Amino acid sequence: MFVAIDGDRVAGFASVSSRAHFSGDVDAYIGELVVAEWAEGRGVGRALVQTAEEWASSNGHARLTLETGAANHRALRLYAEAGYEAEDVRLTKQLRPPA
């Protein structure tokens, strides 16, 4: 877990871990990356991604993966600018109205 602090406030955090695939490969994985609303647009997300990449590299991982929602355009832009590319497609079907 990496935490970005600005003064006495938490500006954001990222959880990063190793994640094994069915193939036997082990990648680094960003499980969550959250930036406080007041800190958006100030480079906090970019810094957290860079810190996660440094951790992954120093722990011998060749790849860093993550997931985000298709409608999260701000996050998609952040990751694209950092060099990430879409690799998988997840399909969903609404079976009943949300509660």
PDB file of N, CA and C in Angstrom:
ATOM      1  N   MET A   1       0.860  -1.168   0.000  1.00  0.00           N
ATOM      2  CA  MET A   1       0.000   0.000   0.000  1.00  0.00           C
ATOM      3  C   MET A   1       0.904   1.227   0.000  1.00  0.00           C
ATOM      4  N   PHE A   2       0.636   2.102  -0.932  1.00  0.00           N
ATOM      5  CA  PHE A   2       1.355   3.370  -1.014  1.00  0.00           C
ATOM      6  C   PHE A   2       0.355   4.492  -0.776  1.00  0.00           C
ATOM      7  N   VAL A   3       0.748   5.464   0.030  1.00  0.00           N
ATOM      8  CA  VAL A   3      -0.135   6.566   0.389  1.00  0.00           C
ATOM      9  C   VAL A   3       0.533   7.875   0.009  1.00  0.00           C
ATOM     10  N   ALA A   4      -0.208   8.732  -0.689  1.00  0.00           N
ATOM     11  CA  ALA A   4       0.275  10.070  -1.050  1.00  0.00           C
ATOM     12  C   ALA A   4      -0.273  11.053  -0.018  1.00  0.00           C
ATOM     13  N   ILE A   5       0.621  11.815   0.592  1.00  0.00           N
ATOM     14  CA  ILE A   5       0.258  12.776   1.632  1.00  0.00           C
ATOM     15  C   ILE A   5       0.573  14.180   1.137  1.00  0.00           C
ATOM     16  N   ASP A   6      -0.334  15.103   1.394  1.00  0.00           N
ATOM     17  CA  ASP A   6      -0.115  16.523   1.102  1.00  0.00           C
ATOM     18  C   ASP A   6      -0.370  17.274   2.403  1.00  0.00           C
ATOM     19  N   GLY A   7       0.708  17.717   3.033  1.00  0.00           N
ATOM     20  CA  GLY A   7       0.570  18.349   4.340  1.00  0.00           C
ATOM     21  C   GLY A   7       0.125  17.317   5.355  1.00  0.00           C
ATOM     22  N   ASP A   8      -1.041  17.524   5.936  1.00  0.00           N
ATOM     23  CA  ASP A   8      -1.568  16.568   6.903  1.00  0.00           C
ATOM     24  C   ASP A   8      -2.765  15.794   6.354  1.00  0.00           C
ATOM     25  N   ARG A   9      -2.949  15.837   5.027  1.00  0.00           N
ATOM     26  CA  ARG A   9      -4.097  15.167   4.408  1.00  0.00           C
ATOM     27  C   ARG A   9      -3.648  14.050   3.471  1.00  0.00           C
ATOM     28  N   VAL A  10      -4.448  13.001   3.427  1.00  0.00           N
ATOM     29  CA  VAL A  10      -4.208  11.911   2.478  1.00  0.00           C
ATOM     30  C   VAL A  10      -4.750  12.351   1.124  1.00  0.00           C
ATOM     31  N   ALA A  11      -3.856  12.410   0.133  1.00  0.00           N
ATOM     32  CA  ALA A  11      -4.249  12.822  -1.217  1.00  0.00           C
ATOM     33  C   ALA A  11      -4.660  11.636  -2.076  1.00  0.00           C
ATOM     34  N   GLY A  12      -4.203  10.441  -1.711  1.00  0.00           N
ATOM     35  CA  GLY A  12      -4.554   9.254  -2.471  1.00  0.00           C
ATOM     36  C   GLY A  12      -3.800   8.042  -1.975  1.00  0.00           C
ATOM     37  N   PHE A  13      -4.139   6.887  -2.534  1.00  0.00           N
ATOM     38  CA  PHE A  13      -3.425   5.665  -2.189  1.00  0.00           C
ATOM     39  C   PHE A  13      -3.533   4.668  -3.332  1.00  0.00           C
ATOM     40  N   ALA A  14      -2.610   3.716  -3.331  1.00  0.00           N
ATOM     41  CA  ALA A  14      -2.622   2.622  -4.305  1.00  0.00           C
ATOM     42  C   ALA A  14      -2.252   1.336  -3.581  1.00  0.00           C
ATOM     43  N   SER A  15      -3.019   0.287  -3.821  1.00  0.00           N
ATOM     44  CA  SER A  15      -2.670  -1.032  -3.292  1.00  0.00           C
ATOM     45  C   SER A  15      -2.060  -1.837  -4.436  1.00  0.00           C
ATOM     46  N   VAL A  16      -0.901  -2.403  -4.176  1.00  0.00           N
ATOM     47  CA  VAL A  16      -0.162  -3.143  -5.204  1.00  0.00           C
ATOM     48  C   VAL A  16       0.271  -4.475  -4.608  1.00  0.00           C
ATOM     49  N   SER A  17       0.141  -5.529  -5.383  1.00  0.00           N
ATOM     50  CA  SER A  17       0.520  -6.855  -4.907  1.00  0.00           C
ATOM     51  C   SER A  17       0.975  -7.712  -6.077  1.00  0.00           C
ATOM     52  N   SER A  18       1.449  -8.897  -5.754  1.00  0.00           N
ATOM     53  CA  SER A  18       1.764  -9.894  -6.774  1.00  0.00           C
ATOM     54  C   SER A  18       0.505 -10.712  -7.015  1.00  0.00           C
ATOM     55  N   ARG A  19       0.291 -11.085  -8.271  1.00  0.00           N
ATOM     56  CA  ARG A  19      -0.928 -11.822  -8.623  1.00  0.00           C
ATOM     57  C   ARG A  19      -0.570 -12.915  -9.619  1.00  0.00           C
ATOM     58  N   ALA A  20      -0.893 -14.155  -9.255  1.00  0.00           N
ATOM     59  CA  ALA A  20      -0.599 -15.302 -10.119  1.00  0.00           C
ATOM     60  C   ALA A  20      -1.741 -15.531 -11.097  1.00  0.00           C
ATOM     61  N   HIS A  21      -1.380 -15.938 -12.300  1.00  0.00           N
ATOM     62  CA  HIS A  21      -2.353 -16.274 -13.340  1.00  0.00           C
ATOM     63  C   HIS A  21      -2.415 -17.789 -13.495  1.00  0.00           C
ATOM     64  N   PHE A  22      -3.473 -18.272 -14.124  1.00  0.00           N
ATOM     65  CA  PHE A  22      -3.617 -19.708 -14.355  1.00  0.00           C
ATOM     66  C   PHE A  22      -2.449 -20.269 -15.155  1.00  0.00           C
ATOM     67  N   SER A  23      -1.797 -19.420 -15.937  1.00  0.00           N
ATOM     68  CA  SER A  23      -0.668 -19.845 -16.769  1.00  0.00           C
ATOM     69  C   SER A  23       0.594 -20.089 -15.954  1.00  0.00           C
ATOM     70  N   GLY A  24       0.588 -19.638 -14.706  1.00  0.00           N
ATOM     71  CA  GLY A  24       1.780 -19.747 -13.874  1.00  0.00           C
ATOM     72  C   GLY A  24       2.568 -18.454 -13.803  1.00  0.00           C
ATOM     73  N   ASP A  25       2.290 -17.508 -14.706  1.00  0.00           N
ATOM     74  CA  ASP A  25       2.954 -16.209 -14.663  1.00  0.00           C
ATOM     75  C   ASP A  25       2.503 -15.440 -13.429  1.00  0.00           C
ATOM     76  N   VAL A  26       3.396 -14.637 -12.896  1.00  0.00           N
ATOM     77  CA  VAL A  26       3.074 -13.783 -11.760  1.00  0.00           C
ATOM     78  C   VAL A  26       3.362 -12.343 -12.158  1.00  0.00           C
ATOM     79  N   ASP A  27       2.340 -11.508 -12.114  1.00  0.00           N
ATOM     80  CA  ASP A  27       2.470 -10.086 -12.436  1.00  0.00           C
ATOM     81  C   ASP A  27       2.251  -9.264 -11.180  1.00  0.00           C
ATOM     82  N   ALA A  28       2.700  -8.028 -11.226  1.00  0.00           N
ATOM     83  CA  ALA A  28       2.300  -7.063 -10.206  1.00  0.00           C
ATOM     84  C   ALA A  28       0.911  -6.576 -10.595  1.00  0.00           C
ATOM     85  N   TYR A  29       0.112  -6.214  -9.604  1.00  0.00           N
ATOM     86  CA  TYR A  29      -1.284  -5.848  -9.851  1.00  0.00           C
ATOM     87  C   TYR A  29      -1.682  -4.675  -8.966  1.00  0.00           C
ATOM     88  N   ILE A  30      -2.235  -3.631  -9.586  1.00  0.00           N
ATOM     89  CA  ILE A  30      -2.799  -2.519  -8.827  1.00  0.00           C
ATOM     90  C   ILE A  30      -4.258  -2.876  -8.556  1.00  0.00           C
ATOM     91  N   GLY A  31      -4.572  -3.168  -7.305  1.00  0.00           N
ATOM     92  CA  GLY A  31      -5.936  -3.531  -6.939  1.00  0.00           C
ATOM     93  C   GLY A  31      -6.837  -2.319  -6.789  1.00  0.00           C
ATOM     94  N   GLU A  32      -6.280  -1.251  -6.249  1.00  0.00           N
ATOM     95  CA  GLU A  32      -7.025  -0.002  -6.088  1.00  0.00           C
ATOM     96  C   GLU A  32      -6.072   1.163  -6.279  1.00  0.00           C
ATOM     97  N   LEU A  33      -6.565   2.200  -6.888  1.00  0.00           N
ATOM     98  CA  LEU A  33      -5.850   3.470  -6.964  1.00  0.00           C
ATOM     99  C   LEU A  33      -6.918   4.551  -6.797  1.00  0.00           C
ATOM    100  N   VAL A  34      -6.824   5.283  -5.707  1.00  0.00           N
ATOM    101  CA  VAL A  34      -7.837   6.284  -5.369  1.00  0.00           C
ATOM    102  C   VAL A  34      -7.153   7.613  -5.112  1.00  0.00           C
ATOM    103  N   VAL A  35      -7.693   8.666  -5.703  1.00  0.00           N
ATOM    104  CA  VAL A  35      -7.202  10.027  -5.470  1.00  0.00           C
ATOM    105  C   VAL A  35      -8.350  10.834  -4.876  1.00  0.00           C
ATOM    106  N   ALA A  36      -8.061  11.563  -3.798  1.00  0.00           N
ATOM    107  CA  ALA A  36      -9.078  12.414  -3.175  1.00  0.00           C
ATOM    108  C   ALA A  36      -9.564  13.447  -4.183  1.00  0.00           C
ATOM    109  N   GLU A  37     -10.835  13.754  -4.122  1.00  0.00           N
ATOM    110  CA  GLU A  37     -11.423  14.693  -5.082  1.00  0.00           C
ATOM    111  C   GLU A  37     -10.677  16.030  -5.104  1.00  0.00           C
ATOM    112  N   TRP A  38     -10.296  16.526  -3.931  1.00  0.00           N
ATOM    113  CA  TRP A  38      -9.601  17.816  -3.863  1.00  0.00           C
ATOM    114  C   TRP A  38      -8.200  17.755  -4.473  1.00  0.00           C
ATOM    115  N   ALA A  39      -7.652  16.540  -4.642  1.00  0.00           N
ATOM    116  CA  ALA A  39      -6.294  16.385  -5.164  1.00  0.00           C
ATOM    117  C   ALA A  39      -6.263  16.001  -6.640  1.00  0.00           C
ATOM    118  N   GLU A  40      -7.423  15.824  -7.263  1.00  0.00           N
ATOM    119  CA  GLU A  40      -7.454  15.435  -8.674  1.00  0.00           C
ATOM    120  C   GLU A  40      -6.819  16.511  -9.547  1.00  0.00           C
ATOM    121  N   GLY A  41      -6.123  16.064 -10.583  1.00  0.00           N
ATOM    122  CA  GLY A  41      -5.497  16.987 -11.523  1.00  0.00           C
ATOM    123  C   GLY A  41      -4.188  17.574 -11.038  1.00  0.00           C
ATOM    124  N   ARG A  42      -3.653  17.056  -9.936  1.00  0.00           N
ATOM    125  CA  ARG A  42      -2.415  17.590  -9.369  1.00  0.00           C
ATOM    126  C   ARG A  42      -1.247  16.621  -9.490  1.00  0.00           C
ATOM    127  N   GLY A  43      -1.414  15.536 -10.258  1.00  0.00           N
ATOM    128  CA  GLY A  43      -0.323  14.586 -10.473  1.00  0.00           C
ATOM    129  C   GLY A  43      -0.228  13.480  -9.439  1.00  0.00           C
ATOM    130  N   VAL A  44      -1.192  13.415  -8.532  1.00  0.00           N
ATOM    131  CA  VAL A  44      -1.160  12.393  -7.483  1.00  0.00           C
ATOM    132  C   VAL A  44      -1.308  11.002  -8.087  1.00  0.00           C
ATOM    133  N   GLY A  45      -2.279  10.810  -8.963  1.00  0.00           N
ATOM    134  CA  GLY A  45      -2.473   9.511  -9.602  1.00  0.00           C
ATOM    135  C   GLY A  45      -1.249   9.086 -10.393  1.00  0.00           C
ATOM    136  N   ARG A  46      -0.686  10.019 -11.132  1.00  0.00           N
ATOM    137  CA  ARG A  46       0.519   9.741 -11.923  1.00  0.00           C
ATOM    138  C   ARG A  46       1.663   9.293 -11.007  1.00  0.00           C
ATOM    139  N   ALA A  47       1.840   9.981  -9.880  1.00  0.00           N
ATOM    140  CA  ALA A  47       2.907   9.632  -8.943  1.00  0.00           C
ATOM    141  C   ALA A  47       2.670   8.259  -8.321  1.00  0.00           C
ATOM    142  N   LEU A  48       1.426   7.943  -8.011  1.00  0.00           N
ATOM    143  CA  LEU A  48       1.123   6.630  -7.442  1.00  0.00           C
ATOM    144  C   LEU A  48       1.366   5.514  -8.453  1.00  0.00           C
ATOM    145  N   VAL A  49       1.003   5.736  -9.710  1.00  0.00           N
ATOM    146  CA  VAL A  49       1.271   4.743 -10.753  1.00  0.00           C
ATOM    147  C   VAL A  49       2.777   4.538 -10.895  1.00  0.00           C
ATOM    148  N   GLN A  50       3.530   5.621 -10.910  1.00  0.00           N
ATOM    149  CA  GLN A  50       4.986   5.521 -11.038  1.00  0.00           C
ATOM    150  C   GLN A  50       5.584   4.767  -9.849  1.00  0.00           C
ATOM    151  N   THR A  51       5.097   5.040  -8.655  1.00  0.00           N
ATOM    152  CA  THR A  51       5.583   4.336  -7.464  1.00  0.00           C
ATOM    153  C   THR A  51       5.258   2.849  -7.549  1.00  0.00           C
ATOM    154  N   ALA A  52       4.059   2.515  -8.014  1.00  0.00           N
ATOM    155  CA  ALA A  52       3.678   1.110  -8.185  1.00  0.00           C
ATOM    156  C   ALA A  52       4.582   0.429  -9.206  1.00  0.00           C
ATOM    157  N   GLU A  53       4.898   1.122 -10.291  1.00  0.00           N
ATOM    158  CA  GLU A  53       5.786   0.564 -11.313  1.00  0.00           C
ATOM    159  C   GLU A  53       7.182   0.316 -10.748  1.00  0.00           C
ATOM    160  N   GLU A  54       7.681   1.254  -9.947  1.00  0.00           N
ATOM    161  CA  GLU A  54       9.001   1.087  -9.337  1.00  0.00           C
ATOM    162  C   GLU A  54       9.009  -0.111  -8.390  1.00  0.00           C
ATOM    163  N   TRP A  55       7.934  -0.254  -7.602  1.00  0.00           N
ATOM    164  CA  TRP A  55       7.835  -1.405  -6.702  1.00  0.00           C
ATOM    165  C   TRP A  55       7.830  -2.701  -7.505  1.00  0.00           C
ATOM    166  N   ALA A  56       7.023  -2.745  -8.556  1.00  0.00           N
ATOM    167  CA  ALA A  56       6.918  -3.948  -9.381  1.00  0.00           C
ATOM    168  C   ALA A  56       8.267  -4.321  -9.983  1.00  0.00           C
ATOM    169  N   SER A  57       8.942  -3.342 -10.528  1.00  0.00           N
ATOM    170  CA  SER A  57      10.241  -3.592 -11.151  1.00  0.00           C
ATOM    171  C   SER A  57      11.265  -4.074 -10.123  1.00  0.00           C
ATOM    172  N   SER A  58      11.295  -3.433  -8.967  1.00  0.00           N
ATOM    173  CA  SER A  58      12.279  -3.806  -7.947  1.00  0.00           C
ATOM    174  C   SER A  58      11.983  -5.171  -7.330  1.00  0.00           C
ATOM    175  N   ASN A  59      10.766  -5.665  -7.505  1.00  0.00           N
ATOM    176  CA  ASN A  59      10.404  -6.989  -7.008  1.00  0.00           C
ATOM    177  C   ASN A  59      10.429  -8.046  -8.107  1.00  0.00           C
ATOM    178  N   GLY A  60      11.034  -7.710  -9.234  1.00  0.00           N
ATOM    179  CA  GLY A  60      11.269  -8.685 -10.290  1.00  0.00           C
ATOM    180  C   GLY A  60      10.115  -8.945 -11.234  1.00  0.00           C
ATOM    181  N   HIS A  61       9.077  -8.123 -11.175  1.00  0.00           N
ATOM    182  CA  HIS A  61       7.940  -8.318 -12.069  1.00  0.00           C
ATOM    183  C   HIS A  61       8.219  -7.693 -13.433  1.00  0.00           C
ATOM    184  N   ALA A  62       7.839  -8.411 -14.479  1.00  0.00           N
ATOM    185  CA  ALA A  62       8.016  -7.907 -15.842  1.00  0.00           C
ATOM    186  C   ALA A  62       6.811  -7.101 -16.305  1.00  0.00           C
ATOM    187  N   ARG A  63       5.653  -7.282 -15.624  1.00  0.00           N
ATOM    188  CA  ARG A  63       4.420  -6.597 -16.038  1.00  0.00           C
ATOM    189  C   ARG A  63       3.673  -6.086 -14.814  1.00  0.00           C
ATOM    190  N   LEU A  64       2.929  -5.010 -15.043  1.00  0.00           N
ATOM    191  CA  LEU A  64       2.024  -4.464 -14.033  1.00  0.00           C
ATOM    192  C   LEU A  64       0.652  -4.360 -14.677  1.00  0.00           C
ATOM    193  N   THR A  65      -0.336  -4.964 -14.059  1.00  0.00           N
ATOM    194  CA  THR A  65      -1.685  -4.952 -14.615  1.00  0.00           C
ATOM    195  C   THR A  65      -2.638  -4.246 -13.656  1.00  0.00           C
ATOM    196  N   LEU A  66      -3.777  -3.840 -14.198  1.00  0.00           N
ATOM    197  CA  LEU A  66      -4.812  -3.193 -13.400  1.00  0.00           C
ATOM    198  C   LEU A  66      -6.113  -3.252 -14.161  1.00  0.00           C
ATOM    199  N   GLU A  67      -7.182  -2.890 -13.502  1.00  0.00           N
ATOM    200  CA  GLU A  67      -8.505  -2.847 -14.131  1.00  0.00           C
ATOM    201  C   GLU A  67      -9.170  -1.534 -13.755  1.00  0.00           C
ATOM    202  N   THR A  68      -9.982  -1.014 -14.654  1.00  0.00           N
ATOM    203  CA  THR A  68     -10.796   0.159 -14.361  1.00  0.00           C
ATOM    204  C   THR A  68     -12.066   0.081 -15.191  1.00  0.00           C
ATOM    205  N   GLY A  69     -13.042   0.853 -14.824  1.00  0.00           N
ATOM    206  CA  GLY A  69     -14.310   0.830 -15.542  1.00  0.00           C
ATOM    207  C   GLY A  69     -14.222   1.524 -16.888  1.00  0.00           C
ATOM    208  N   ALA A  70     -14.979   1.037 -17.848  1.00  0.00           N
ATOM    209  CA  ALA A  70     -14.977   1.613 -19.198  1.00  0.00           C
ATOM    210  C   ALA A  70     -15.457   3.056 -19.203  1.00  0.00           C
ATOM    211  N   ALA A  71     -16.274   3.440 -18.238  1.00  0.00           N
ATOM    212  CA  ALA A  71     -16.801   4.807 -18.178  1.00  0.00           C
ATOM    213  C   ALA A  71     -15.914   5.747 -17.362  1.00  0.00           C
ATOM    214  N   ASN A  72     -14.825   5.234 -16.801  1.00  0.00           N
ATOM    215  CA  ASN A  72     -13.927   6.060 -15.992  1.00  0.00           C
ATOM    216  C   ASN A  72     -12.892   6.712 -16.912  1.00  0.00           C
ATOM    217  N   HIS A  73     -13.334   7.709 -17.653  1.00  0.00           N
ATOM    218  CA  HIS A  73     -12.502   8.324 -18.686  1.00  0.00           C
ATOM    219  C   HIS A  73     -11.251   8.986 -18.124  1.00  0.00           C
ATOM    220  N   ARG A  74     -11.357   9.572 -16.959  1.00  0.00           N
ATOM    221  CA  ARG A  74     -10.189  10.221 -16.358  1.00  0.00           C
ATOM    222  C   ARG A  74      -9.096   9.189 -16.059  1.00  0.00           C
ATOM    223  N   ALA A  75      -9.488   8.048 -15.477  1.00  0.00           N
ATOM    224  CA  ALA A  75      -8.522   6.992 -15.184  1.00  0.00           C
ATOM    225  C   ALA A  75      -7.966   6.391 -16.472  1.00  0.00           C
ATOM    226  N   LEU A  76      -8.824   6.175 -17.451  1.00  0.00           N
ATOM    227  CA  LEU A  76      -8.353   5.627 -18.729  1.00  0.00           C
ATOM    228  C   LEU A  76      -7.319   6.540 -19.372  1.00  0.00           C
ATOM    229  N   ARG A  77      -7.538   7.838 -19.290  1.00  0.00           N
ATOM    230  CA  ARG A  77      -6.579   8.802 -19.840  1.00  0.00           C
ATOM    231  C   ARG A  77      -5.254   8.744 -19.065  1.00  0.00           C
ATOM    232  N   LEU A  78      -5.336   8.684 -17.737  1.00  0.00           N
ATOM    233  CA  LEU A  78      -4.132   8.581 -16.907  1.00  0.00           C
ATOM    234  C   LEU A  78      -3.311   7.364 -17.299  1.00  0.00           C
ATOM    235  N   TYR A  79      -3.969   6.216 -17.397  1.00  0.00           N
ATOM    236  CA  TYR A  79      -3.246   4.984 -17.711  1.00  0.00           C
ATOM    237  C   TYR A  79      -2.702   4.992 -19.137  1.00  0.00           C
ATOM    238  N   ALA A  80      -3.452   5.516 -20.083  1.00  0.00           N
ATOM    239  CA  ALA A  80      -2.963   5.601 -21.468  1.00  0.00           C
ATOM    240  C   ALA A  80      -1.734   6.499 -21.539  1.00  0.00           C
ATOM    241  N   GLU A  81      -1.771   7.629 -20.846  1.00  0.00           N
ATOM    242  CA  GLU A  81      -0.621   8.543 -20.841  1.00  0.00           C
ATOM    243  C   GLU A  81       0.601   7.902 -20.190  1.00  0.00           C
ATOM    244  N   ALA A  82       0.370   6.942 -19.282  1.00  0.00           N
ATOM    245  CA  ALA A  82       1.467   6.241 -18.618  1.00  0.00           C
ATOM    246  C   ALA A  82       1.944   5.031 -19.421  1.00  0.00           C
ATOM    247  N   GLY A  83       1.316   4.777 -20.581  1.00  0.00           N
ATOM    248  CA  GLY A  83       1.773   3.701 -21.455  1.00  0.00           C
ATOM    249  C   GLY A  83       1.011   2.390 -21.341  1.00  0.00           C
ATOM    250  N   TYR A  84      -0.082   2.373 -20.610  1.00  0.00           N
ATOM    251  CA  TYR A  84      -0.872   1.151 -20.467  1.00  0.00           C
ATOM    252  C   TYR A  84      -1.773   0.956 -21.683  1.00  0.00           C
ATOM    253  N   GLU A  85      -2.011  -0.308 -22.022  1.00  0.00           N
ATOM    254  CA  GLU A  85      -2.847  -0.649 -23.170  1.00  0.00           C
ATOM    255  C   GLU A  85      -3.928  -1.631 -22.742  1.00  0.00           C
ATOM    256  N   ALA A  86      -5.098  -1.511 -23.347  1.00  0.00           N
ATOM    257  CA  ALA A  86      -6.188  -2.455 -23.077  1.00  0.00           C
ATOM    258  C   ALA A  86      -5.783  -3.834 -23.583  1.00  0.00           C
ATOM    259  N   GLU A  87      -6.023  -4.844 -22.769  1.00  0.00           N
ATOM    260  CA  GLU A  87      -5.629  -6.194 -23.135  1.00  0.00           C
ATOM    261  C   GLU A  87      -6.799  -7.173 -23.080  1.00  0.00           C
ATOM    262  N   ASP A  88      -7.644  -7.061 -22.095  1.00  0.00           N
ATOM    263  CA  ASP A  88      -8.762  -7.982 -21.912  1.00  0.00           C
ATOM    264  C   ASP A  88     -10.081  -7.242 -22.064  1.00  0.00           C
ATOM    265  N   VAL A  89     -11.126  -7.999 -22.287  1.00  0.00           N
ATOM    266  CA  VAL A  89     -12.478  -7.455 -22.330  1.00  0.00           C
ATOM    267  C   VAL A  89     -13.309  -8.252 -21.332  1.00  0.00           C
ATOM    268  N   ARG A  90     -14.019  -7.554 -20.469  1.00  0.00           N
ATOM    269  CA  ARG A  90     -14.919  -8.203 -19.519  1.00  0.00           C
ATOM    270  C   ARG A  90     -16.343  -7.861 -19.921  1.00  0.00           C
ATOM    271  N   LEU A  91     -17.166  -8.873 -20.068  1.00  0.00           N
ATOM    272  CA  LEU A  91     -18.555  -8.678 -20.475  1.00  0.00           C
ATOM    273  C   LEU A  91     -19.477  -8.894 -19.282  1.00  0.00           C
ATOM    274  N   THR A  92     -20.520  -8.081 -19.184  1.00  0.00           N
ATOM    275  CA  THR A  92     -21.509  -8.241 -18.124  1.00  0.00           C
ATOM    276  C   THR A  92     -22.908  -8.150 -18.709  1.00  0.00           C
ATOM    277  N   LYS A  93     -23.858  -8.724 -17.996  1.00  0.00           N
ATOM    278  CA  LYS A  93     -25.257  -8.661 -18.405  1.00  0.00           C
ATOM    279  C   LYS A  93     -26.093  -8.405 -17.157  1.00  0.00           C
ATOM    280  N   GLN A  94     -26.926  -7.385 -17.203  1.00  0.00           N
ATOM    281  CA  GLN A  94     -27.821  -7.069 -16.092  1.00  0.00           C
ATOM    282  C   GLN A  94     -28.957  -8.085 -16.088  1.00  0.00           C
ATOM    283  N   LEU A  95     -29.086  -8.878 -15.032  1.00  0.00           N
ATOM    284  CA  LEU A  95     -30.111  -9.914 -14.951  1.00  0.00           C
ATOM    285  C   LEU A  95     -31.373  -9.443 -14.246  1.00  0.00           C
ATOM    286  N   ARG A  96     -31.245  -8.412 -13.451  1.00  0.00           N
ATOM    287  CA  ARG A  96     -32.402  -7.817 -12.777  1.00  0.00           C
ATOM    288  C   ARG A  96     -32.056  -6.377 -12.438  1.00  0.00           C
ATOM    289  N   PRO A  97     -33.039  -5.570 -12.188  1.00  0.00           N
ATOM    290  CA  PRO A  97     -32.756  -4.167 -11.869  1.00  0.00           C
ATOM    291  C   PRO A  97     -31.888  -4.067 -10.617  1.00  0.00           C
ATOM    292  N   PRO A  98     -30.996  -3.097 -10.584  1.00  0.00           N
ATOM    293  CA  PRO A  98     -30.173  -2.927  -9.384  1.00  0.00           C
ATOM    294  C   PRO A  98     -31.049  -2.625  -8.171  1.00  0.00           C
ATOM    295  N   ALA A  99     -30.599  -3.077  -7.034  1.00  0.00           N
ATOM    296  CA  ALA A  99     -31.362  -2.868  -5.784  1.00  0.00           C
ATOM    297  C   ALA A  99     -31.328  -1.420  -5.349  1.00  0.00           C
TER     298      ALA A  99
END
